[in-house]
Protein backbone atom coordinates (compact mmCIF):
# COMPACT_ATOMS: atom_id res chain seq x y z
CA MET A 1 0.00 0.00 0.00
CA PRO A 2 1.40 3.40 -0.87
CA ALA A 3 2.71 5.44 2.02
CA SER A 4 0.14 8.16 1.44
CA SER A 5 -2.70 5.79 2.24
CA ARG A 6 -0.94 4.32 5.25
CA ARG A 7 -0.55 7.76 6.76
CA THR A 8 -4.24 8.56 6.59
CA LEU A 9 -5.72 5.37 8.03
CA SER A 10 -5.43 4.48 11.69
CA LYS A 11 -6.14 0.84 10.81
CA PRO A 12 -6.71 -1.00 7.51
CA LEU A 13 -10.07 -1.62 5.95
CA SER A 14 -11.67 -4.94 6.87
CA SER A 15 -10.43 -8.04 5.07
CA ALA A 16 -13.87 -8.33 3.46
CA GLY A 17 -13.19 -5.09 1.71
CA CYS A 18 -16.41 -3.40 2.83
CA GLY A 19 -15.37 -1.88 6.14
CA LEU A 20 -15.21 1.88 6.57
CA ALA A 21 -12.00 3.77 7.04
CA ALA A 22 -11.23 4.50 10.70
CA ALA A 23 -9.93 7.94 9.77
CA LYS A 24 -10.46 10.25 6.82
CA ILE A 25 -8.49 9.44 3.67
CA THR A 26 -6.75 12.43 2.12
CA PRO A 27 -5.94 12.06 -1.59
CA ASP A 28 -2.51 13.44 -2.48
CA ALA A 29 -0.48 14.15 -5.61
CA LYS A 30 -0.11 10.41 -6.22
CA SER A 31 -3.89 9.88 -6.23
CA ALA A 32 -6.31 10.13 -9.14
CA LEU A 33 -10.09 10.32 -9.33
CA ILE A 34 -11.44 8.17 -12.18
CA VAL A 35 -14.86 9.31 -13.43
CA VAL A 36 -16.37 6.52 -15.52
CA ASP A 37 -18.93 7.19 -18.27
CA VAL A 38 -21.05 9.91 -16.66
CA GLN A 39 -22.76 10.55 -19.98
CA ASN A 40 -26.21 11.49 -21.16
CA GLY A 41 -26.75 7.96 -22.43
CA PHE A 42 -26.60 6.53 -18.92
CA VAL A 43 -28.88 8.95 -17.08
CA THR A 44 -32.63 9.57 -17.15
CA GLY A 45 -33.68 10.24 -20.73
CA GLY A 46 -30.66 8.49 -22.23
CA CYS A 47 -30.60 5.50 -24.55
CA LEU A 48 -29.34 3.16 -21.79
CA PRO A 49 -30.39 4.86 -18.53
CA VAL A 50 -29.03 3.62 -15.22
CA LYS A 51 -31.56 4.16 -12.45
CA GLY A 52 -30.51 7.25 -10.50
CA GLY A 53 -27.48 7.73 -12.74
CA GLU A 54 -27.63 11.52 -12.57
CA GLU A 55 -27.45 11.33 -8.76
CA VAL A 56 -23.70 10.67 -8.95
CA VAL A 57 -22.99 14.07 -10.52
CA PRO A 58 -23.12 16.28 -7.38
CA VAL A 59 -21.22 13.65 -5.38
CA ILE A 60 -18.46 13.48 -7.98
CA ASN A 61 -18.31 17.28 -8.26
CA GLN A 62 -17.81 17.53 -4.51
CA LEU A 63 -15.12 14.85 -4.55
CA ALA A 64 -13.32 16.52 -7.47
CA ALA A 65 -12.44 19.52 -5.33
CA GLY A 66 -10.05 17.30 -3.34
CA PHE A 67 -8.11 15.88 -6.31
CA GLN A 68 -5.18 17.28 -8.25
CA ASN A 69 -5.52 14.50 -10.84
CA ILE A 70 -8.76 13.47 -12.58
CA VAL A 71 -9.30 11.13 -15.53
CA VAL A 72 -12.66 10.91 -17.30
CA THR A 73 -13.84 8.02 -19.46
CA GLN A 74 -16.38 8.21 -22.25
CA ASP A 75 -18.21 5.39 -24.05
CA TRP A 76 -17.69 6.19 -27.74
CA HIS A 77 -19.31 3.59 -29.96
CA THR A 78 -19.42 3.37 -33.73
CA PRO A 79 -22.83 3.09 -35.43
CA GLY A 80 -23.69 -0.61 -35.70
CA HIS A 81 -21.33 -1.54 -32.85
CA VAL A 82 -20.98 -5.25 -32.09
CA SER A 83 -22.35 -4.71 -28.56
CA PHE A 84 -25.69 -3.40 -29.89
CA ALA A 85 -28.60 -5.85 -30.02
CA SER A 86 -29.63 -4.19 -33.28
CA SER A 87 -26.44 -5.56 -34.87
CA HIS A 88 -27.54 -9.17 -34.27
CA GLN A 89 -30.59 -10.47 -36.12
CA GLY A 90 -33.28 -11.79 -33.79
CA LYS A 91 -31.56 -10.55 -30.62
CA LYS A 92 -33.08 -8.18 -28.08
CA PRO A 93 -31.39 -5.78 -25.67
CA PHE A 94 -30.00 -7.43 -22.52
CA GLU A 95 -29.73 -10.84 -24.16
CA THR A 96 -26.24 -12.28 -24.67
CA THR A 97 -24.26 -13.65 -27.57
CA GLN A 98 -20.89 -15.32 -27.98
CA LEU A 99 -18.16 -13.29 -29.64
CA SER A 100 -14.51 -14.11 -30.27
CA TYR A 101 -13.54 -12.79 -26.84
CA GLY A 102 -16.36 -14.41 -24.85
CA THR A 103 -19.91 -13.71 -23.72
CA GLN A 104 -21.22 -10.28 -24.69
CA VAL A 105 -24.27 -8.62 -23.20
CA LEU A 106 -26.21 -6.93 -25.99
CA TRP A 107 -27.31 -3.37 -25.30
CA PRO A 108 -29.67 -0.86 -26.86
CA ASP A 109 -27.83 1.44 -29.28
CA HIS A 110 -26.16 4.02 -27.03
CA CYS A 111 -23.35 6.58 -26.82
CA VAL A 112 -22.79 6.66 -30.57
CA GLN A 113 -19.84 8.85 -31.51
CA GLY A 114 -20.67 12.53 -31.85
CA THR A 115 -24.25 12.28 -30.59
CA GLU A 116 -25.74 14.11 -27.64
CA ASP A 117 -26.28 10.70 -26.01
CA ALA A 118 -22.51 10.26 -25.91
CA SER A 119 -21.81 13.70 -24.40
CA LEU A 120 -20.67 14.06 -20.82
CA HIS A 121 -23.39 15.18 -18.40
CA LYS A 122 -23.68 18.96 -18.61
CA ASP A 123 -23.52 19.44 -14.83
CA LEU A 124 -20.20 17.65 -14.33
CA HIS A 125 -17.69 20.15 -12.97
CA LEU A 126 -14.17 18.73 -13.07
CA PRO A 127 -11.76 21.67 -13.31
CA THR A 128 -8.61 19.60 -12.74
CA ALA A 129 -9.46 16.82 -15.24
CA GLN A 130 -6.49 16.32 -17.56
CA LEU A 131 -7.46 13.35 -19.72
CA ILE A 132 -10.51 11.83 -21.39
CA ILE A 133 -10.22 8.16 -22.34
CA ARG A 134 -12.67 7.23 -25.08
CA LYS A 135 -13.45 3.52 -25.21
CA GLY A 136 -15.57 1.13 -27.23
CA PHE A 137 -14.66 2.83 -30.51
CA HIS A 138 -13.47 -0.38 -32.19
CA LYS A 139 -16.57 -1.65 -34.00
CA GLU A 140 -15.94 -5.36 -33.39
CA ILE A 141 -15.04 -5.28 -29.69
CA ASP A 142 -16.65 -3.82 -26.59
CA SER A 143 -14.77 -2.02 -23.85
CA TYR A 144 -16.08 -1.69 -20.30
CA SER A 145 -12.75 -1.07 -18.61
CA ALA A 146 -10.80 2.17 -18.84
CA PHE A 147 -7.62 0.06 -19.05
CA ASP A 148 -8.27 -2.79 -21.46
CA GLU A 149 -10.90 -3.66 -24.03
CA ALA A 150 -13.08 -6.74 -23.62
CA ASP A 151 -10.50 -9.08 -25.15
CA HIS A 152 -8.26 -8.30 -22.13
CA LYS A 153 -5.43 -7.67 -24.61
CA THR A 154 -6.06 -4.34 -26.31
CA SER A 155 -4.82 -1.55 -24.03
CA THR A 156 -6.18 1.98 -23.85
CA GLY A 157 -2.81 3.24 -22.61
CA LEU A 158 -4.26 4.51 -19.33
CA ALA A 159 -1.98 2.44 -17.08
CA GLY A 160 1.13 3.81 -18.77
CA TYR A 161 -0.17 7.38 -18.54
CA LEU A 162 -0.92 7.07 -14.82
CA LYS A 163 2.43 5.45 -14.03
CA ALA A 164 4.29 8.10 -16.01
CA ARG A 165 2.51 10.68 -13.87
CA GLY A 166 3.55 8.91 -10.65
CA ILE A 167 -0.02 7.95 -9.71
CA GLU A 168 -0.30 5.09 -7.23
CA THR A 169 -3.86 5.20 -5.89
CA LEU A 170 -7.14 5.32 -7.81
CA TYR A 171 -10.59 6.34 -6.61
CA VAL A 172 -13.18 5.06 -9.08
CA THR A 173 -16.64 6.61 -9.52
CA GLY A 174 -19.36 6.72 -12.18
CA LEU A 175 -21.57 4.41 -14.22
CA ALA A 176 -22.37 1.64 -14.02
CA THR A 177 -21.08 -0.02 -10.86
CA ASP A 178 -21.55 -3.57 -12.11
CA PHE A 179 -20.02 -3.09 -15.56
CA CYS A 180 -17.65 -0.27 -16.51
CA VAL A 181 -16.84 0.78 -12.93
CA ALA A 182 -16.16 -2.80 -11.80
CA TRP A 183 -14.03 -3.71 -14.82
CA THR A 184 -12.05 -0.49 -14.47
CA ALA A 185 -11.44 -1.09 -10.77
CA MET A 186 -10.35 -4.69 -11.22
CA ASP A 187 -8.05 -3.87 -14.11
CA GLY A 188 -6.59 -1.06 -12.02
CA CYS A 189 -5.66 -3.58 -9.34
CA LYS A 190 -4.24 -5.90 -11.99
CA ALA A 191 -2.07 -3.05 -13.25
CA GLY A 192 -0.60 -2.57 -9.77
CA PHE A 193 -2.57 0.39 -8.42
CA GLU A 194 -4.27 0.61 -5.06
CA VAL A 195 -7.95 0.96 -5.96
CA TYR A 196 -10.96 2.28 -4.07
CA VAL A 197 -14.52 2.33 -5.43
CA ILE A 198 -16.56 5.15 -3.89
CA GLU A 199 -19.90 3.37 -3.65
CA ASP A 200 -22.24 6.36 -3.27
CA ALA A 201 -20.60 7.98 -6.31
CA THR A 202 -21.72 5.05 -8.49
CA ARG A 203 -25.03 3.55 -9.62
CA ALA A 204 -25.70 0.09 -11.05
CA ILE A 205 -27.74 -1.56 -13.76
CA ASP A 206 -28.12 -4.61 -11.45
CA MET A 207 -29.30 -7.10 -14.03
CA ASN A 208 -29.89 -10.68 -12.79
CA GLY A 209 -27.81 -10.14 -9.66
CA SER A 210 -24.97 -8.43 -11.51
CA LEU A 211 -24.34 -5.85 -8.77
CA ALA A 212 -23.75 -8.37 -5.98
CA ALA A 213 -21.61 -10.46 -8.30
CA ALA A 214 -19.54 -7.43 -9.30
CA TRP A 215 -18.84 -6.46 -5.69
CA LYS A 216 -17.83 -10.04 -4.88
CA GLN A 217 -15.42 -10.07 -7.82
CA MET A 218 -14.02 -6.63 -7.02
CA ILE A 219 -13.35 -7.47 -3.37
CA ALA A 220 -11.69 -10.74 -4.40
CA LYS A 221 -9.34 -8.78 -6.68
CA GLY A 222 -8.35 -6.37 -3.89
CA VAL A 223 -10.64 -3.41 -4.60
CA LYS A 224 -11.62 -1.47 -1.48
CA ARG A 225 -15.22 -0.31 -1.00
CA ILE A 226 -15.70 3.10 0.61
CA GLN A 227 -18.13 6.02 0.74
CA SER A 228 -17.55 9.64 -0.26
CA GLY A 229 -17.70 10.58 3.43
CA ASP A 230 -14.54 8.55 4.06
CA LEU A 231 -12.49 11.13 2.14
CA ALA A 232 -11.28 14.32 3.76
């Protein structure tokens, strides 16, 4: 664990990963806030709305004031993307299909490049954001994670950017908890970062138990589960 985190906790989080910090955590110059896919497509009125998705915006804005480093991700699909149910004859949204890289959930058409649906939410206020990672722009492969596309081979370059900047600790927020947030958090751990998911700064699709499953997987990979109130 990076020294900065050790200094701010009087004791570690519980081994289950869901305990609360005993003292406030203060992000430092080696910390980054990751804001995942807070786009019009994933809030009320969007093409793939996450229930309560817009509720993360004021929480993230408040958190942003405490970070020197912020990275934003943006779903950025081509028309006719392979992850769209409309691209597969006879398939409906939220069904699955098998692609070369594994099982793919099929979604309604959403966050198509250059559309208002793909735009970041207008009320996001992230004055220290330095980078936007656009993902899912390869037509034949989906990309939930900010680090790697769904084949687990094609890199976005984010890990190298963060390491070049001396970042050690990531605080992940955004949409949706059980897909893009979870994959980003787990890949962050895999890349060697200390990773926290700020639960009340995320919202989930929660399809067929996907939220509980995602938290179980995240905790098993070393992701720590905290609330926005745990940060100073």
